[in-house]
């Protein structure tokens, strides 16, 4: 199919449930071919948004276009061209891993030779091929999520929705699934709409992110752009012999907003983006030992927490 300018385009998308406004005038554009992170606390409207985009719910107000199709009038076309891994993995635990994909391949009417080649391709890439005959019910949660991801992209969709795909996984399994997601998304040319509570995960995976709370869009942009919203730049100086006279001298400077000190560490919050060499030079001239200097911005997690606090 011909990919439209935006894989997803919502305009004032709104959904009420009696007294609850689950999605509140949401307007976003998701370019094709990226991993788009959709971030928010529990109950913020993430899953409801996915259900609206898949045409499983009707909006109370506004509209959404997914792959150029209207969610109200062309939901079947949307679901035909999308994959989804939502709250439940959708696997049949009494079947083998291979038979699970065989079943779904038949549901999608994939021709036999193409279906078998596709199953082998996906299971090989996800390091599941050698265990294809095993009953899925005996597998770990991490392996089931890998297989469920294969199920979601089996029919070569243009867009895949992943709702908290690493939730409940141990750190090793979560890292492995993230790596698989990146590799397969790049290889397949997928657009990925990813909801996650893991802010470090979003920072690593996503080219663009949206932050919502109580159904309202709070921020939208690249992780780098959002980090710029997260407060003042920081300089961390690791070493020793940080005297009180040094701290006093640094605090008196116009480019220093605040200083936090521990035995072997100074964290200087800058009032603006500036060259840190003059600060480091003052520290050295004072006779302090400098082992390492780290300049950083706020993390995506810092930005997220700041946005959540501002909305309370």
Protein backbone atom coordinates (compact mmCIF):
# COMPACT_ATOMS: atom_id res chain seq x y z
CA UNK A 1 0.00 0.00 0.00
CA UNK A 2 1.08 3.62 -0.56
CA UNK A 3 2.15 5.13 2.77
CA UNK A 4 0.43 8.48 3.49
CA UNK A 5 2.31 11.51 4.74
CA UNK A 6 1.49 10.55 8.33
CA UNK A 7 1.00 7.01 9.61
CA UNK A 8 -1.31 8.45 12.28
CA UNK A 9 -3.06 11.83 12.34
CA UNK A 10 -5.56 12.70 15.07
CA UNK A 11 -7.55 15.92 15.35
CA UNK A 12 -9.18 16.74 18.71
CA UNK A 13 -9.67 13.01 19.32
CA UNK A 14 -11.88 12.67 22.39
CA UNK A 15 -13.52 9.78 24.22
CA UNK A 16 -15.80 10.01 27.27
CA UNK A 17 -16.87 7.14 29.51
CA UNK A 18 -19.80 8.55 31.51
CA UNK A 19 -18.04 11.01 33.86
CA UNK A 20 -14.49 10.08 32.76
CA UNK A 21 -12.79 11.84 29.87
CA UNK A 22 -10.32 9.13 28.90
CA UNK A 23 -8.94 10.94 25.83
CA UNK A 24 -9.22 14.72 25.76
CA UNK A 25 -8.88 16.56 22.41
CA UNK A 26 -5.76 14.68 21.39
CA UNK A 27 -4.05 16.03 18.26
CA UNK A 28 -0.88 14.26 17.12
CA UNK A 29 0.91 13.36 13.90
CA UNK A 30 3.10 10.27 13.63
CA UNK A 31 5.42 10.17 10.59
CA UNK A 32 5.90 6.78 8.91
CA UNK A 33 8.90 4.60 9.63
CA UNK A 34 9.63 5.70 13.21
CA UNK A 35 9.22 4.31 16.72
CA UNK A 36 6.76 6.68 18.39
CA UNK A 37 6.57 6.59 22.17
CA UNK A 38 3.24 7.29 23.88
CA UNK A 39 3.97 7.93 27.55
CA UNK A 40 1.75 8.46 30.54
CA UNK A 41 0.93 7.07 34.00
CA UNK A 42 -1.67 4.37 34.59
CA UNK A 43 -5.13 5.58 33.66
CA UNK A 44 -3.86 8.36 31.42
CA UNK A 45 -5.69 7.11 28.32
CA UNK A 46 -2.93 5.24 26.47
CA UNK A 47 -4.80 1.98 25.89
CA UNK A 48 -8.05 3.82 25.09
CA UNK A 49 -6.17 5.80 22.43
CA UNK A 50 -4.91 2.60 20.81
CA UNK A 51 -8.43 1.16 20.79
CA UNK A 52 -9.69 4.36 19.13
CA UNK A 53 -6.91 4.23 16.52
CA UNK A 54 -7.74 0.61 15.70
CA UNK A 55 -11.42 1.45 15.29
CA UNK A 56 -12.40 -0.73 18.24
CA UNK A 57 -13.99 2.30 19.96
CA UNK A 58 -15.80 5.25 18.43
CA UNK A 59 -14.68 8.72 19.45
CA UNK A 60 -17.06 11.01 21.31
CA UNK A 61 -15.61 13.89 19.33
CA UNK A 62 -12.86 14.52 16.79
CA UNK A 63 -11.38 12.11 14.30
CA UNK A 64 -8.35 9.97 13.54
CA UNK A 65 -6.74 8.82 10.32
CA UNK A 66 -4.53 5.72 10.45
CA UNK A 67 -2.51 4.81 7.33
CA UNK A 68 -4.78 7.20 5.45
CA UNK A 69 -7.97 5.42 6.60
CA UNK A 70 -10.70 6.96 8.74
CA UNK A 71 -11.19 5.04 12.00
CA UNK A 72 -14.96 5.56 11.88
CA UNK A 73 -15.65 4.40 8.34
CA UNK A 74 -12.62 2.27 7.38
CA UNK A 75 -11.74 0.38 10.56
CA UNK A 76 -11.52 -2.96 8.73
CA UNK A 77 -8.86 -1.56 6.39
CA UNK A 78 -6.93 -0.21 9.37
CA UNK A 79 -6.92 -3.53 11.19
CA UNK A 80 -5.99 -5.35 7.97
CA UNK A 81 -2.85 -3.23 7.62
CA UNK A 82 -1.87 -3.01 11.30
CA UNK A 83 -0.48 -5.40 13.87
CA UNK A 84 -1.09 -5.18 17.61
CA UNK A 85 0.33 -6.55 20.83
CA UNK A 86 -2.01 -5.24 23.52
CA UNK A 87 -2.72 -6.24 27.12
CA UNK A 88 -2.94 -9.97 26.27
CA UNK A 89 -0.44 -11.76 24.06
CA UNK A 90 -3.16 -13.61 22.10
CA UNK A 91 -1.26 -16.90 22.01
CA UNK A 92 -2.75 -20.37 22.30
CA UNK A 93 -0.77 -21.91 25.12
CA UNK A 94 -1.69 -25.52 24.31
CA UNK A 95 -0.24 -25.22 20.82
CA UNK A 96 3.41 -25.24 19.83
CA UNK A 97 5.09 -21.95 18.96
CA UNK A 98 5.17 -22.88 15.28
CA UNK A 99 1.53 -23.93 15.26
CA UNK A 100 0.54 -20.61 16.82
CA UNK A 101 2.08 -18.73 13.92
CA UNK A 102 0.66 -21.24 11.44
CA UNK A 103 -2.81 -20.57 12.81
CA UNK A 104 -2.47 -16.80 12.57
CA UNK A 105 -0.87 -17.05 9.14
CA UNK A 106 -3.94 -18.94 7.93
CA UNK A 107 -6.22 -16.33 9.53
CA UNK A 108 -4.39 -13.69 7.48
CA UNK A 109 -4.74 -15.88 4.34
CA UNK A 110 -0.99 -15.92 3.74
CA UNK A 111 -0.21 -18.49 0.99
CA UNK A 112 1.35 -21.72 2.27
CA UNK A 113 4.88 -21.33 0.90
CA UNK A 114 5.06 -17.66 1.89
CA UNK A 115 3.61 -18.43 5.31
CA UNK A 116 6.15 -21.14 6.10
CA UNK A 117 9.06 -18.98 4.91
CA UNK A 118 7.81 -16.03 6.94
CA UNK A 119 7.42 -18.11 10.10
CA UNK A 120 10.96 -19.45 9.77
CA UNK A 121 12.33 -15.98 9.05
CA UNK A 122 10.72 -14.39 12.12
CA UNK A 123 11.45 -17.24 14.53
CA UNK A 124 15.07 -17.37 13.36
CA UNK A 125 15.55 -13.62 13.84
CA UNK A 126 13.97 -13.82 17.28
CA UNK A 127 16.06 -16.89 18.23
CA UNK A 128 12.98 -19.09 18.65
CA UNK A 129 13.37 -21.43 15.67
CA UNK A 130 15.14 -24.22 17.57
CA UNK A 131 12.27 -24.30 20.06
CA UNK A 132 9.43 -24.05 17.54
CA UNK A 133 7.94 -27.46 18.45
CA UNK A 134 7.65 -26.66 22.16
CA UNK A 135 4.25 -26.01 23.76
CA UNK A 136 3.91 -22.27 24.41
CA UNK A 137 2.39 -22.80 27.85
CA UNK A 138 5.77 -24.07 29.08
CA UNK A 139 7.61 -20.92 27.99
CA UNK A 140 8.76 -17.96 30.07
CA UNK A 141 6.91 -14.65 29.85
CA UNK A 142 9.80 -13.16 27.89
CA UNK A 143 9.71 -15.89 25.24
CA UNK A 144 5.94 -15.57 24.95
CA UNK A 145 6.30 -11.83 24.34
CA UNK A 146 8.84 -12.50 21.58
CA UNK A 147 6.45 -14.93 19.93
CA UNK A 148 3.56 -12.48 20.36
CA UNK A 149 5.66 -9.81 18.64
CA UNK A 150 6.25 -12.24 15.77
CA UNK A 151 2.49 -12.86 15.62
CA UNK A 152 1.84 -9.09 15.47
CA UNK A 153 4.10 -8.56 12.44
CA UNK A 154 3.55 -11.91 10.72
CA UNK A 155 1.40 -10.43 7.93
CA UNK A 156 3.90 -7.60 7.23
CA UNK A 157 1.79 -4.71 8.56
CA UNK A 158 2.75 -1.11 7.86
CA UNK A 159 2.07 -0.11 11.48
CA UNK A 160 2.24 -2.05 14.73
CA UNK A 161 0.80 -1.05 18.11
CA UNK A 162 2.74 -2.29 21.14
CA UNK A 163 1.08 -1.66 24.50
CA UNK A 164 3.65 -2.00 27.32
CA UNK A 165 5.44 -4.91 25.56
CA UNK A 166 8.17 -5.26 28.22
CA UNK A 167 5.87 -4.97 31.26
CA UNK A 168 6.53 -7.77 33.71
CA UNK A 169 9.75 -8.89 32.04
CA UNK A 170 13.02 -9.21 33.93
CA UNK A 171 15.75 -6.74 32.86
CA UNK A 172 17.53 -9.26 30.61
CA UNK A 173 14.36 -10.35 28.82
CA UNK A 174 13.21 -6.73 28.46
CA UNK A 175 16.55 -5.69 26.95
CA UNK A 176 16.43 -8.63 24.52
CA UNK A 177 12.90 -7.75 23.39
CA UNK A 178 13.85 -4.08 22.94
CA UNK A 179 16.79 -5.08 20.77
CA UNK A 180 14.60 -7.39 18.71
CA UNK A 181 12.05 -4.61 18.29
CA UNK A 182 14.61 -2.15 16.98
CA UNK A 183 16.22 -4.65 14.60
CA UNK A 184 12.94 -5.97 13.23
CA UNK A 185 11.32 -2.52 12.92
CA UNK A 186 14.31 -1.30 10.91
CA UNK A 187 14.40 -4.42 8.76
CA UNK A 188 10.64 -4.40 8.11
CA UNK A 189 10.29 -0.63 7.65
CA UNK A 190 7.63 -0.60 10.35
CA UNK A 191 6.03 2.35 12.05
CA UNK A 192 5.78 1.44 15.75
CA UNK A 193 3.33 3.06 18.17
CA UNK A 194 4.75 2.12 21.57
CA UNK A 195 3.25 2.74 24.99
CA UNK A 196 5.58 2.25 27.93
CA UNK A 197 6.11 3.20 31.58
CA UNK A 198 9.85 2.74 31.11
CA UNK A 199 11.26 6.19 30.39
CA UNK A 200 14.77 4.89 29.73
CA UNK A 201 13.23 2.49 27.22
CA UNK A 202 11.46 5.33 25.42
CA UNK A 203 14.64 7.42 25.40
CA UNK A 204 16.58 4.60 23.73
CA UNK A 205 13.95 3.42 21.25
CA UNK A 206 11.86 6.38 20.15
CA UNK A 207 12.49 9.06 17.56
CA UNK A 208 9.45 10.99 18.81
CA UNK A 209 7.45 10.84 22.04
CA UNK A 210 4.16 12.20 23.31
CA UNK A 211 3.40 12.61 27.02
CA UNK A 212 -0.22 12.49 28.20
CA UNK A 213 -1.97 12.74 31.55
CA UNK A 214 -5.71 12.26 32.12
CA UNK A 215 -6.16 12.07 28.36
CA UNK A 216 -4.51 15.45 27.66
CA UNK A 217 -1.39 15.92 25.57
CA UNK A 218 1.31 17.62 27.68
CA UNK A 219 4.32 17.46 25.37
CA UNK A 220 5.27 16.19 21.92
CA UNK A 221 8.62 16.00 20.15
CA UNK A 222 11.92 14.18 19.97
CA UNK A 223 13.49 12.98 23.25
CA UNK A 224 16.16 15.65 22.73
CA UNK A 225 13.53 18.38 22.36
CA UNK A 226 11.68 17.22 25.46
CA UNK A 227 14.90 17.05 27.50
CA UNK A 228 15.30 20.76 26.77
CA UNK A 229 12.05 21.29 28.69
CA UNK A 230 13.37 19.52 31.74
CA UNK A 231 15.13 22.30 33.51
CA UNK A 232 18.61 23.70 33.63
CA UNK A 233 21.76 21.95 32.36
CA UNK A 234 23.92 20.17 34.93
CA UNK A 235 27.65 19.82 35.46
CA UNK A 236 28.89 17.04 37.71
CA UNK A 237 32.48 17.30 38.95
CA UNK A 238 33.91 14.22 40.64
CA UNK A 239 37.01 14.46 42.78
CA UNK A 240 37.77 15.81 46.25
CA UNK A 241 38.89 18.62 48.55
CA UNK A 242 35.92 20.83 47.68
CA UNK A 243 36.28 23.63 50.25
CA UNK A 244 33.55 25.88 51.59
CA UNK A 245 35.28 28.93 50.10
CA UNK A 246 35.14 27.23 46.66
CA UNK A 247 31.41 26.54 47.07
CA UNK A 248 30.82 30.16 48.10
CA UNK A 249 32.77 31.48 45.10
CA UNK A 250 30.84 29.26 42.66
CA UNK A 251 27.45 30.15 44.14
CA UNK A 252 28.21 33.84 43.65
CA UNK A 253 28.49 33.42 39.88
CA UNK A 254 25.59 34.48 37.65
CA UNK A 255 25.84 31.31 35.55
CA UNK A 256 25.35 29.03 38.60
CA UNK A 257 21.78 28.38 39.77
CA UNK A 258 22.53 25.92 42.58
CA UNK A 259 25.15 23.50 43.90
CA UNK A 260 24.77 20.14 45.60
CA UNK A 261 27.85 18.77 47.38
CA UNK A 262 28.88 15.38 48.71
CA UNK A 263 32.29 14.04 49.76
CA UNK A 264 33.55 13.32 46.27
CA UNK A 265 31.03 15.05 44.05
CA UNK A 266 29.82 18.51 43.09
CA UNK A 267 26.62 18.87 41.06
CA UNK A 268 26.26 22.36 39.63
CA UNK A 269 22.95 23.42 38.12
CA UNK A 270 23.60 26.10 35.52
CA UNK A 271 21.29 29.05 35.03
CA UNK A 272 21.71 28.75 31.25
CA UNK A 273 23.57 26.74 28.64
CA UNK A 274 27.16 27.97 28.83
CA UNK A 275 30.80 26.91 28.56
CA UNK A 276 31.79 24.98 31.70
CA UNK A 277 35.55 25.58 31.35
CA UNK A 278 35.56 28.71 33.59
CA UNK A 279 33.83 26.75 36.37
CA UNK A 280 36.20 23.82 36.10
CA UNK A 281 39.16 26.22 36.09
CA UNK A 282 37.94 27.81 39.35
CA UNK A 283 37.67 24.37 40.92
CA UNK A 284 41.21 23.43 39.83
CA UNK A 285 42.66 26.80 40.95
CA UNK A 286 41.17 26.25 44.40
CA UNK A 287 43.37 23.20 44.83
CA UNK A 288 40.55 20.66 44.53
CA UNK A 289 41.16 17.35 42.81
CA UNK A 290 39.21 16.85 39.57
CA UNK A 291 38.87 13.28 38.36
CA UNK A 292 35.92 13.60 36.00
CA UNK A 293 33.63 16.30 34.58
CA UNK A 294 30.20 15.31 33.22
CA UNK A 295 27.88 17.80 31.52
CA UNK A 296 24.32 16.66 31.00
CA UNK A 297 20.73 17.66 30.39
CA UNK A 298 17.70 16.46 32.23
CA UNK A 299 16.74 12.89 31.36
CA UNK A 300 13.41 12.05 29.77
CA UNK A 301 12.40 10.67 33.16
CA UNK A 302 13.14 14.07 34.75
CA UNK A 303 10.98 15.78 32.12
CA UNK A 304 8.18 13.26 32.60
CA UNK A 305 8.13 13.73 36.38
CA UNK A 306 8.21 17.50 35.99
CA UNK A 307 5.25 17.41 33.62
CA UNK A 308 3.32 15.14 35.97
CA UNK A 309 3.96 17.51 38.90
CA UNK A 310 2.91 20.57 36.91
CA UNK A 311 -0.45 18.96 36.06
CA UNK A 312 -1.40 18.10 39.63
